[in-house]
Amino acid sequence: DEPGVGPDLGRIELRGSVTQIAGQMWNHWPEMHRVMKRAGMSVPQFQGDELKDLFAYVYIARYRGEPGDAERGRAVFQGKGCSICHGNDGEGRIGPALRDITVGMSREKITQKMWNHAPRMHEKLGDQNLSWAQLGAIELADLLCFLSTGLKPAPDPSGK
């Protein structure tokens, strides 16, 4: 953080109940007040449902997580062995052509497709004597970005 600038609420841990978040805010108040005073700012006063709205925002600020990077996602796709069954550019081989079913979709939709396909994939991995790929949160964010935006589109059958 730059001096005088508050923390990025989308990156810090502010989870839990209303009282847990309120406790973190309360404990942060002296430092926040010091920085705001130095910057010539006044401490905000909440009216009506403003504090409730702030809690709702803070609670969901981390929902989407990191946006992911398509190039790193391509490396995950290759490194975790996804390309063995789905092809280097998602064209399909043993598994379905991902570029036909994931490009332009939200992370939630792609994750749902992956989850629903997991039993069949698990079976195919066993048939191919391959192990189940473990994915960390950042790897998954990158992979989902790649599946949504980084796959090469299928060739146009009309040649256009």
Protein backbone atom coordinates (compact mmCIF):
# COMPACT_ATOMS: atom_id res chain seq x y z
CA ASP A 1 0.00 0.00 0.00
CA GLU A 2 1.09 3.54 -0.67
CA PRO A 3 1.37 5.73 2.43
CA GLY A 4 -1.97 7.39 3.09
CA VAL A 5 -3.92 4.91 0.97
CA GLY A 6 -6.11 2.28 2.56
CA PRO A 7 -5.87 -1.44 1.89
CA ASP A 8 -7.42 -3.00 -1.21
CA LEU A 9 -10.59 -4.57 0.21
CA GLY A 10 -10.67 -7.06 -2.65
CA ARG A 11 -7.31 -8.53 -1.63
CA ILE A 12 -7.28 -8.57 2.17
CA GLU A 13 -8.97 -11.10 4.41
CA LEU A 14 -12.22 -9.58 5.61
CA ARG A 15 -14.42 -12.60 6.05
CA GLY A 16 -16.64 -13.83 8.78
CA SER A 17 -19.68 -12.64 10.60
CA VAL A 18 -20.80 -9.05 10.88
CA THR A 19 -19.22 -8.87 14.34
CA GLN A 20 -15.90 -10.24 13.05
CA ILE A 21 -15.79 -7.65 10.25
CA ALA A 22 -16.92 -4.93 12.65
CA GLY A 23 -14.15 -5.97 15.06
CA GLN A 24 -11.54 -5.71 12.34
CA MET A 25 -12.84 -2.27 11.37
CA TRP A 26 -12.85 -1.18 15.02
CA ASN A 27 -9.29 -2.36 15.55
CA HIS A 28 -8.19 -0.61 12.33
CA TRP A 29 -9.83 2.70 13.33
CA PRO A 30 -6.84 4.34 15.12
CA GLU A 31 -4.51 3.82 12.12
CA MET A 32 -7.22 4.82 9.65
CA HIS A 33 -7.96 7.95 11.68
CA ARG A 34 -4.27 8.89 11.82
CA VAL A 35 -3.87 8.53 8.03
CA MET A 36 -7.15 10.34 7.28
CA LYS A 37 -6.23 13.21 9.62
CA ARG A 38 -2.82 13.57 7.94
CA ALA A 39 -4.59 13.64 4.54
CA GLY A 40 -7.08 16.27 5.74
CA MET A 41 -10.02 13.89 5.46
CA SER A 42 -12.88 13.60 7.92
CA VAL A 43 -13.95 10.28 9.38
CA PRO A 44 -17.07 9.03 7.60
CA GLN A 45 -20.36 8.96 9.45
CA PHE A 46 -22.77 6.23 8.40
CA GLN A 47 -26.47 6.95 7.86
CA GLY A 48 -29.42 4.64 7.29
CA ASP A 49 -28.32 1.35 5.67
CA GLU A 50 -24.86 2.59 4.63
CA LEU A 51 -22.95 0.45 7.13
CA LYS A 52 -25.02 -2.61 6.20
CA ASP A 53 -24.23 -1.92 2.53
CA LEU A 54 -20.53 -1.57 3.37
CA PHE A 55 -20.56 -4.93 5.19
CA ALA A 56 -22.26 -6.56 2.18
CA TYR A 57 -19.62 -5.09 -0.15
CA VAL A 58 -16.71 -6.15 2.07
CA TYR A 59 -18.18 -9.62 2.47
CA ILE A 60 -18.35 -10.25 -1.29
CA ALA A 61 -15.33 -8.17 -2.40
CA ARG A 62 -13.15 -11.28 -2.71
CA TYR A 63 -15.79 -13.43 -4.42
CA ARG A 64 -14.30 -13.18 -7.92
CA GLY A 65 -10.72 -13.50 -6.68
CA GLU A 66 -7.84 -12.81 -9.00
CA PRO A 67 -8.86 -12.36 -12.63
CA GLY A 68 -6.47 -14.96 -14.05
CA ASP A 69 -4.07 -14.74 -16.98
CA ALA A 70 -4.69 -16.61 -20.25
CA GLU A 71 -0.99 -17.17 -21.02
CA ARG A 72 -0.30 -18.60 -17.58
CA GLY A 73 -3.51 -20.60 -18.05
CA ARG A 74 -2.12 -22.08 -21.27
CA ALA A 75 0.95 -23.17 -19.28
CA VAL A 76 -1.31 -24.78 -16.64
CA PHE A 77 -3.34 -26.48 -19.41
CA GLN A 78 -0.12 -27.93 -20.87
CA GLY A 79 1.68 -28.59 -17.59
CA LYS A 80 -1.20 -30.36 -15.86
CA GLY A 81 -1.74 -32.60 -18.89
CA CYS A 82 -5.13 -31.24 -19.97
CA SER A 83 -3.88 -31.00 -23.55
CA ILE A 84 -3.29 -34.77 -23.67
CA CYS A 85 -7.04 -35.34 -23.88
CA HIS A 86 -8.34 -31.94 -24.99
CA GLY A 87 -5.69 -30.99 -27.59
CA ASN A 88 -3.15 -28.15 -27.49
CA ASP A 89 -5.74 -25.57 -28.54
CA GLY A 90 -8.82 -27.21 -27.08
CA GLU A 91 -9.69 -28.91 -30.36
CA GLY A 92 -10.45 -32.20 -28.60
CA ARG A 93 -8.88 -35.63 -28.82
CA ILE A 94 -9.91 -38.19 -26.25
CA GLY A 95 -11.89 -35.54 -24.40
CA PRO A 96 -14.33 -32.97 -25.81
CA ALA A 97 -13.30 -29.94 -27.85
CA LEU A 98 -13.19 -27.31 -25.11
CA ARG A 99 -12.96 -24.35 -27.48
CA ASP A 100 -16.44 -25.29 -28.67
CA ILE A 101 -17.93 -25.28 -25.17
CA THR A 102 -15.96 -22.81 -23.00
CA VAL A 103 -14.92 -19.76 -25.05
CA GLY A 104 -16.79 -16.68 -23.85
CA MET A 105 -18.28 -18.38 -20.79
CA SER A 106 -18.05 -17.16 -17.20
CA ARG A 107 -15.73 -18.85 -14.74
CA GLU A 108 -18.73 -20.19 -12.87
CA LYS A 109 -20.18 -21.84 -16.00
CA ILE A 110 -16.83 -23.38 -16.97
CA THR A 111 -16.33 -24.66 -13.42
CA GLN A 112 -19.82 -26.16 -13.52
CA LYS A 113 -18.99 -27.92 -16.80
CA MET A 114 -15.74 -29.22 -15.33
CA TRP A 115 -17.50 -30.50 -12.22
CA ASN A 116 -20.27 -32.20 -14.18
CA HIS A 117 -17.68 -33.78 -16.50
CA ALA A 118 -15.48 -34.98 -13.61
CA PRO A 119 -16.91 -38.53 -13.34
CA ARG A 120 -16.32 -39.20 -17.06
CA MET A 121 -12.92 -37.52 -16.92
CA HIS A 122 -11.91 -39.59 -13.90
CA GLU A 123 -12.85 -42.75 -15.79
CA LYS A 124 -10.91 -41.68 -18.91
CA LEU A 125 -7.85 -40.74 -16.84
CA GLY A 126 -7.85 -44.26 -15.40
CA ASP A 127 -8.16 -45.75 -18.90
CA GLN A 128 -5.14 -43.69 -20.00
CA ASN A 129 -3.19 -44.42 -16.79
CA LEU A 130 -3.06 -40.67 -16.02
CA SER A 131 -3.42 -39.05 -12.59
CA TRP A 132 -5.94 -36.43 -11.50
CA ALA A 133 -4.52 -32.90 -11.79
CA GLN A 134 -4.44 -30.89 -8.56
CA LEU A 135 -5.08 -27.16 -9.07
CA GLY A 136 -4.29 -24.28 -6.72
CA ALA A 137 -6.55 -21.22 -6.66
CA ILE A 138 -4.29 -19.09 -8.88
CA GLU A 139 -3.70 -21.98 -11.29
CA LEU A 140 -7.46 -22.50 -11.55
CA ALA A 141 -8.09 -18.77 -12.12
CA ASP A 142 -5.48 -18.79 -14.89
CA LEU A 143 -6.87 -22.00 -16.42
CA LEU A 144 -10.43 -20.65 -16.41
CA CYS A 145 -9.23 -17.44 -18.07
CA PHE A 146 -7.46 -19.49 -20.74
CA LEU A 147 -10.53 -21.66 -21.34
CA SER A 148 -12.76 -18.60 -21.62
CA THR A 149 -10.53 -16.27 -23.65
CA GLY A 150 -7.26 -17.93 -24.69
CA LEU A 151 -8.28 -20.88 -26.84
CA LYS A 152 -7.92 -20.55 -30.58
CA PRO A 153 -11.33 -20.61 -32.27
CA ALA A 154 -12.25 -23.58 -34.40
CA PRO A 155 -11.54 -23.10 -38.11
CA ASP A 156 -14.50 -21.79 -40.11
CA PRO A 157 -15.71 -24.69 -42.28
CA SER A 158 -16.58 -22.24 -45.07
CA GLY A 159 -12.95 -21.12 -45.19
CA LYS A 160 -13.78 -17.47 -44.38
